[in-house]
Amino acid sequence: MAIEKKYISDVEAILSHRYDNGADYWTTPDKRLIKGSPFSMLDSILYLLELGMEPTDPLLKECANRIFSAWREDGEDNPVQEDTLMILRMTEDAFLWYIQKTN
């Protein structure tokens, strides 16, 4: 699904907030993923998908990489990300299902 012309300004508005939280991809310098609502990383990803951005878009792929980097190699949560990961676990299946469905 491509972004419809009528939603381009909405997508541009979301993208304009990409650095508002102090780091790239709507994150904070300490890599918090849900701080800064309504323009946290997780909120912004969902908005962009809803507006028709392709899940294979490089921006969304990098966001997915940052989300999954919140886990340590031993499978434990990064302590900074505990709250985020609790919420992420509740939405992860839906997010991954959507990506698989659209590929």
N, C-alpha and C. Protein backbone atom coordinates (compact mmCIF):
# COMPACT_ATOMS: atom_id res chain seq x y z
N MET A 1 0.85 -1.17 0.00
CA MET A 1 0.00 0.00 0.00
C MET A 1 0.90 1.24 0.00
N ALA A 2 0.66 2.13 -0.89
CA ALA A 2 1.42 3.39 -0.97
C ALA A 2 0.68 4.47 -0.19
N ILE A 3 1.42 5.49 0.17
CA ILE A 3 0.81 6.60 0.89
C ILE A 3 -0.03 7.41 -0.09
N GLU A 4 -1.30 7.58 0.24
CA GLU A 4 -2.17 8.36 -0.62
C GLU A 4 -1.78 9.83 -0.55
N LYS A 5 -2.01 10.53 -1.64
CA LYS A 5 -1.64 11.94 -1.75
C LYS A 5 -2.23 12.78 -0.61
N LYS A 6 -3.46 12.47 -0.20
CA LYS A 6 -4.11 13.27 0.84
C LYS A 6 -3.44 13.10 2.21
N TYR A 7 -2.60 12.06 2.37
CA TYR A 7 -1.94 11.83 3.65
C TYR A 7 -0.47 12.28 3.68
N ILE A 8 0.04 12.74 2.56
CA ILE A 8 1.45 13.15 2.47
C ILE A 8 1.78 14.21 3.53
N SER A 9 0.92 15.19 3.72
CA SER A 9 1.21 16.24 4.71
C SER A 9 1.22 15.68 6.13
N ASP A 10 0.39 14.66 6.39
CA ASP A 10 0.40 14.01 7.71
C ASP A 10 1.71 13.27 7.94
N VAL A 11 2.17 12.56 6.92
CA VAL A 11 3.44 11.84 7.03
C VAL A 11 4.58 12.84 7.24
N GLU A 12 4.57 13.93 6.49
CA GLU A 12 5.61 14.95 6.64
C GLU A 12 5.59 15.55 8.05
N ALA A 13 4.41 15.74 8.60
CA ALA A 13 4.29 16.28 9.96
C ALA A 13 4.90 15.31 10.98
N ILE A 14 4.62 14.03 10.83
CA ILE A 14 5.19 13.03 11.73
C ILE A 14 6.70 13.00 11.60
N LEU A 15 7.18 13.00 10.37
CA LEU A 15 8.63 12.98 10.14
C LEU A 15 9.31 14.23 10.67
N SER A 16 8.61 15.34 10.70
CA SER A 16 9.20 16.59 11.20
C SER A 16 9.49 16.53 12.70
N HIS A 17 8.89 15.58 13.39
CA HIS A 17 9.11 15.42 14.84
C HIS A 17 10.14 14.34 15.15
N ARG A 18 10.82 13.86 14.13
CA ARG A 18 11.74 12.73 14.27
C ARG A 18 12.85 12.97 15.28
N TYR A 19 13.29 14.20 15.46
CA TYR A 19 14.41 14.50 16.37
C TYR A 19 13.96 15.22 17.64
N ASP A 20 12.66 15.36 17.86
CA ASP A 20 12.15 16.13 18.99
C ASP A 20 12.58 15.61 20.35
N ASN A 21 12.80 14.32 20.47
CA ASN A 21 13.13 13.73 21.76
C ASN A 21 14.63 13.69 22.04
N GLY A 22 15.42 14.29 21.16
CA GLY A 22 16.86 14.41 21.40
C GLY A 22 17.74 13.45 20.63
N ALA A 23 17.16 12.49 19.96
CA ALA A 23 17.94 11.55 19.15
C ALA A 23 17.13 11.22 17.89
N ASP A 24 17.70 10.41 17.03
CA ASP A 24 17.03 10.08 15.77
C ASP A 24 15.94 9.04 15.98
N TYR A 25 15.03 8.97 15.04
CA TYR A 25 13.94 7.99 15.04
C TYR A 25 13.03 8.12 16.26
N TRP A 26 12.78 9.33 16.68
CA TRP A 26 11.83 9.63 17.76
C TRP A 26 12.26 9.05 19.11
N THR A 27 13.54 8.76 19.29
CA THR A 27 14.02 8.23 20.56
C THR A 27 14.74 9.32 21.35
N THR A 28 15.07 9.00 22.59
CA THR A 28 15.83 9.91 23.45
C THR A 28 17.31 9.52 23.36
N PRO A 29 18.21 10.38 23.81
CA PRO A 29 19.63 10.03 23.78
C PRO A 29 19.95 8.72 24.51
N ASP A 30 19.17 8.38 25.53
CA ASP A 30 19.41 7.11 26.23
C ASP A 30 18.57 5.97 25.65
N LYS A 31 18.08 6.16 24.44
CA LYS A 31 17.41 5.14 23.62
C LYS A 31 16.06 4.68 24.17
N ARG A 32 15.33 5.55 24.81
CA ARG A 32 13.98 5.19 25.24
C ARG A 32 13.06 5.25 24.02
N LEU A 33 12.20 4.27 23.90
CA LEU A 33 11.39 4.10 22.70
C LEU A 33 9.98 4.66 22.80
N ILE A 34 9.46 4.82 24.02
CA ILE A 34 8.07 5.28 24.14
C ILE A 34 7.96 6.62 24.84
N LYS A 35 9.05 7.30 25.06
CA LYS A 35 8.99 8.61 25.69
C LYS A 35 8.69 9.66 24.62
N GLY A 36 7.82 10.61 24.94
CA GLY A 36 7.56 11.71 24.03
C GLY A 36 6.26 11.61 23.27
N SER A 37 5.32 10.88 23.79
CA SER A 37 4.03 10.76 23.12
C SER A 37 3.42 12.15 22.90
N PRO A 38 2.84 12.43 21.79
CA PRO A 38 2.36 11.51 20.76
C PRO A 38 3.40 11.17 19.70
N PHE A 39 4.63 11.62 19.84
CA PHE A 39 5.64 11.32 18.83
C PHE A 39 6.78 10.49 19.40
N SER A 40 6.44 9.43 20.09
CA SER A 40 7.45 8.46 20.50
C SER A 40 7.72 7.56 19.29
N MET A 41 8.76 6.75 19.39
CA MET A 41 9.06 5.86 18.26
C MET A 41 7.89 4.93 17.98
N LEU A 42 7.38 4.27 18.99
CA LEU A 42 6.31 3.31 18.76
C LEU A 42 5.05 3.98 18.23
N ASP A 43 4.70 5.14 18.77
CA ASP A 43 3.54 5.87 18.26
C ASP A 43 3.73 6.23 16.79
N SER A 44 4.88 6.78 16.48
CA SER A 44 5.15 7.25 15.12
C SER A 44 5.14 6.12 14.11
N ILE A 45 5.69 4.97 14.49
CA ILE A 45 5.67 3.80 13.60
C ILE A 45 4.23 3.43 13.27
N LEU A 46 3.41 3.36 14.29
CA LEU A 46 2.01 2.98 14.06
C LEU A 46 1.29 4.01 13.20
N TYR A 47 1.55 5.30 13.44
CA TYR A 47 0.92 6.33 12.61
C TYR A 47 1.32 6.16 11.15
N LEU A 48 2.63 5.97 10.90
CA LEU A 48 3.11 5.86 9.52
C LEU A 48 2.55 4.63 8.82
N LEU A 49 2.47 3.52 9.53
CA LEU A 49 1.88 2.32 8.93
C LEU A 49 0.41 2.55 8.60
N GLU A 50 -0.29 3.19 9.51
CA GLU A 50 -1.72 3.46 9.30
C GLU A 50 -1.94 4.37 8.09
N LEU A 51 -0.99 5.29 7.87
CA LEU A 51 -1.12 6.22 6.75
C LEU A 51 -0.67 5.61 5.42
N GLY A 52 -0.16 4.38 5.46
CA GLY A 52 0.17 3.69 4.22
C GLY A 52 1.64 3.53 3.93
N MET A 53 2.53 3.92 4.84
CA MET A 53 3.95 3.71 4.59
C MET A 53 4.22 2.21 4.56
N GLU A 54 5.03 1.80 3.63
CA GLU A 54 5.35 0.38 3.47
C GLU A 54 6.21 -0.09 4.64
N PRO A 55 5.91 -1.26 5.21
CA PRO A 55 6.74 -1.80 6.29
C PRO A 55 8.18 -2.05 5.87
N THR A 56 8.40 -2.16 4.57
CA THR A 56 9.75 -2.40 4.06
C THR A 56 10.53 -1.10 3.84
N ASP A 57 9.91 0.04 4.14
CA ASP A 57 10.59 1.32 4.01
C ASP A 57 11.84 1.32 4.90
N PRO A 58 12.97 1.83 4.40
CA PRO A 58 14.20 1.82 5.20
C PRO A 58 14.05 2.48 6.58
N LEU A 59 13.24 3.52 6.67
CA LEU A 59 13.02 4.19 7.95
C LEU A 59 12.36 3.23 8.94
N LEU A 60 11.34 2.51 8.52
CA LEU A 60 10.66 1.57 9.42
C LEU A 60 11.53 0.36 9.73
N LYS A 61 12.35 -0.06 8.78
CA LYS A 61 13.28 -1.16 9.05
C LYS A 61 14.29 -0.76 10.12
N GLU A 62 14.80 0.47 10.06
CA GLU A 62 15.73 0.93 11.08
C GLU A 62 15.04 1.05 12.43
N CYS A 63 13.81 1.49 12.44
CA CYS A 63 13.05 1.55 13.70
C CYS A 63 12.92 0.14 14.29
N ALA A 64 12.60 -0.84 13.46
CA ALA A 64 12.48 -2.22 13.93
C ALA A 64 13.81 -2.71 14.50
N ASN A 65 14.91 -2.37 13.83
CA ASN A 65 16.23 -2.74 14.34
C ASN A 65 16.48 -2.15 15.72
N ARG A 66 16.10 -0.91 15.91
CA ARG A 66 16.29 -0.26 17.21
C ARG A 66 15.41 -0.88 18.28
N ILE A 67 14.21 -1.26 17.92
CA ILE A 67 13.33 -1.91 18.89
C ILE A 67 13.94 -3.24 19.34
N PHE A 68 14.37 -4.04 18.39
CA PHE A 68 14.91 -5.35 18.75
C PHE A 68 16.28 -5.24 19.42
N SER A 69 16.98 -4.13 19.25
CA SER A 69 18.26 -3.95 19.93
C SER A 69 18.08 -3.68 21.42
N ALA A 70 16.86 -3.49 21.87
CA ALA A 70 16.60 -3.26 23.29
C ALA A 70 16.81 -4.53 24.11
N TRP A 71 16.85 -5.68 23.45
CA TRP A 71 17.14 -6.93 24.16
C TRP A 71 18.64 -7.15 24.18
N ARG A 72 19.14 -7.67 25.29
CA ARG A 72 20.55 -8.03 25.40
C ARG A 72 20.75 -9.41 24.81
N GLU A 73 22.01 -9.76 24.57
CA GLU A 73 22.31 -11.07 23.98
C GLU A 73 21.82 -12.23 24.84
N ASP A 74 21.82 -12.05 26.17
CA ASP A 74 21.39 -13.13 27.05
C ASP A 74 19.87 -13.25 27.13
N GLY A 75 19.16 -12.42 26.37
CA GLY A 75 17.71 -12.50 26.32
C GLY A 75 17.01 -11.66 27.37
N GLU A 76 17.77 -11.07 28.26
CA GLU A 76 17.20 -10.20 29.29
C GLU A 76 16.96 -8.82 28.71
N ASP A 77 16.09 -8.08 29.38
CA ASP A 77 15.80 -6.72 28.96
C ASP A 77 16.93 -5.78 29.35
N ASN A 78 17.12 -4.77 28.54
CA ASN A 78 17.99 -3.67 28.91
C ASN A 78 17.25 -2.91 30.01
N PRO A 79 17.84 -2.72 31.19
CA PRO A 79 17.10 -2.08 32.29
C PRO A 79 16.49 -0.74 31.93
N VAL A 80 17.12 0.01 31.05
CA VAL A 80 16.57 1.30 30.65
C VAL A 80 15.26 1.12 29.90
N GLN A 81 15.09 -0.03 29.27
CA GLN A 81 13.96 -0.25 28.39
C GLN A 81 12.84 -1.10 29.03
N GLU A 82 12.89 -1.36 30.33
CA GLU A 82 11.92 -2.28 30.92
C GLU A 82 10.47 -1.90 30.63
N ASP A 83 10.10 -0.64 30.84
CA ASP A 83 8.72 -0.23 30.59
C ASP A 83 8.37 -0.36 29.12
N THR A 84 9.29 0.04 28.27
CA THR A 84 9.07 -0.06 26.84
C THR A 84 8.85 -1.50 26.43
N LEU A 85 9.68 -2.38 26.93
CA LEU A 85 9.58 -3.77 26.51
C LEU A 85 8.30 -4.43 27.01
N MET A 86 7.81 -4.00 28.15
CA MET A 86 6.53 -4.53 28.63
C MET A 86 5.43 -4.20 27.62
N ILE A 87 5.41 -2.95 27.17
CA ILE A 87 4.41 -2.53 26.18
C ILE A 87 4.70 -3.17 24.83
N LEU A 88 5.96 -3.23 24.47
CA LEU A 88 6.34 -3.83 23.19
C LEU A 88 5.90 -5.28 23.10
N ARG A 89 6.05 -6.01 24.17
CA ARG A 89 5.63 -7.42 24.15
C ARG A 89 4.14 -7.55 23.88
N MET A 90 3.38 -6.57 24.33
CA MET A 90 1.94 -6.62 24.09
C MET A 90 1.59 -6.29 22.65
N THR A 91 2.44 -5.53 21.96
CA THR A 91 2.13 -5.11 20.59
C THR A 91 2.99 -5.79 19.55
N GLU A 92 4.03 -6.49 19.97
CA GLU A 92 4.98 -7.07 19.03
C GLU A 92 4.32 -8.02 18.03
N ASP A 93 3.48 -8.91 18.50
CA ASP A 93 2.85 -9.87 17.60
C ASP A 93 2.03 -9.17 16.52
N ALA A 94 1.30 -8.14 16.91
CA ALA A 94 0.49 -7.41 15.93
C ALA A 94 1.38 -6.71 14.91
N PHE A 95 2.46 -6.10 15.37
CA PHE A 95 3.39 -5.39 14.48
C PHE A 95 4.03 -6.37 13.50
N LEU A 96 4.53 -7.49 14.00
CA LEU A 96 5.18 -8.48 13.13
C LEU A 96 4.19 -9.11 12.18
N TRP A 97 2.97 -9.36 12.65
CA TRP A 97 1.93 -9.90 11.78
C TRP A 97 1.67 -8.94 10.64
N TYR A 98 1.58 -7.65 10.94
CA TYR A 98 1.31 -6.67 9.90
C TYR A 98 2.43 -6.64 8.86
N ILE A 99 3.67 -6.68 9.32
CA ILE A 99 4.80 -6.67 8.38
C ILE A 99 4.76 -7.92 7.49
N GLN A 100 4.54 -9.07 8.09
CA GLN A 100 4.48 -10.30 7.30
C GLN A 100 3.31 -10.28 6.32
N LYS A 101 2.19 -9.76 6.76
CA LYS A 101 0.99 -9.72 5.92
C LYS A 101 1.21 -8.85 4.69
N THR A 102 1.95 -7.78 4.83
CA THR A 102 2.12 -6.84 3.74
C THR A 102 3.32 -7.16 2.84
N ASN A 103 4.08 -8.18 3.18
CA ASN A 103 5.22 -8.55 2.32
C ASN A 103 4.82 -9.55 1.28
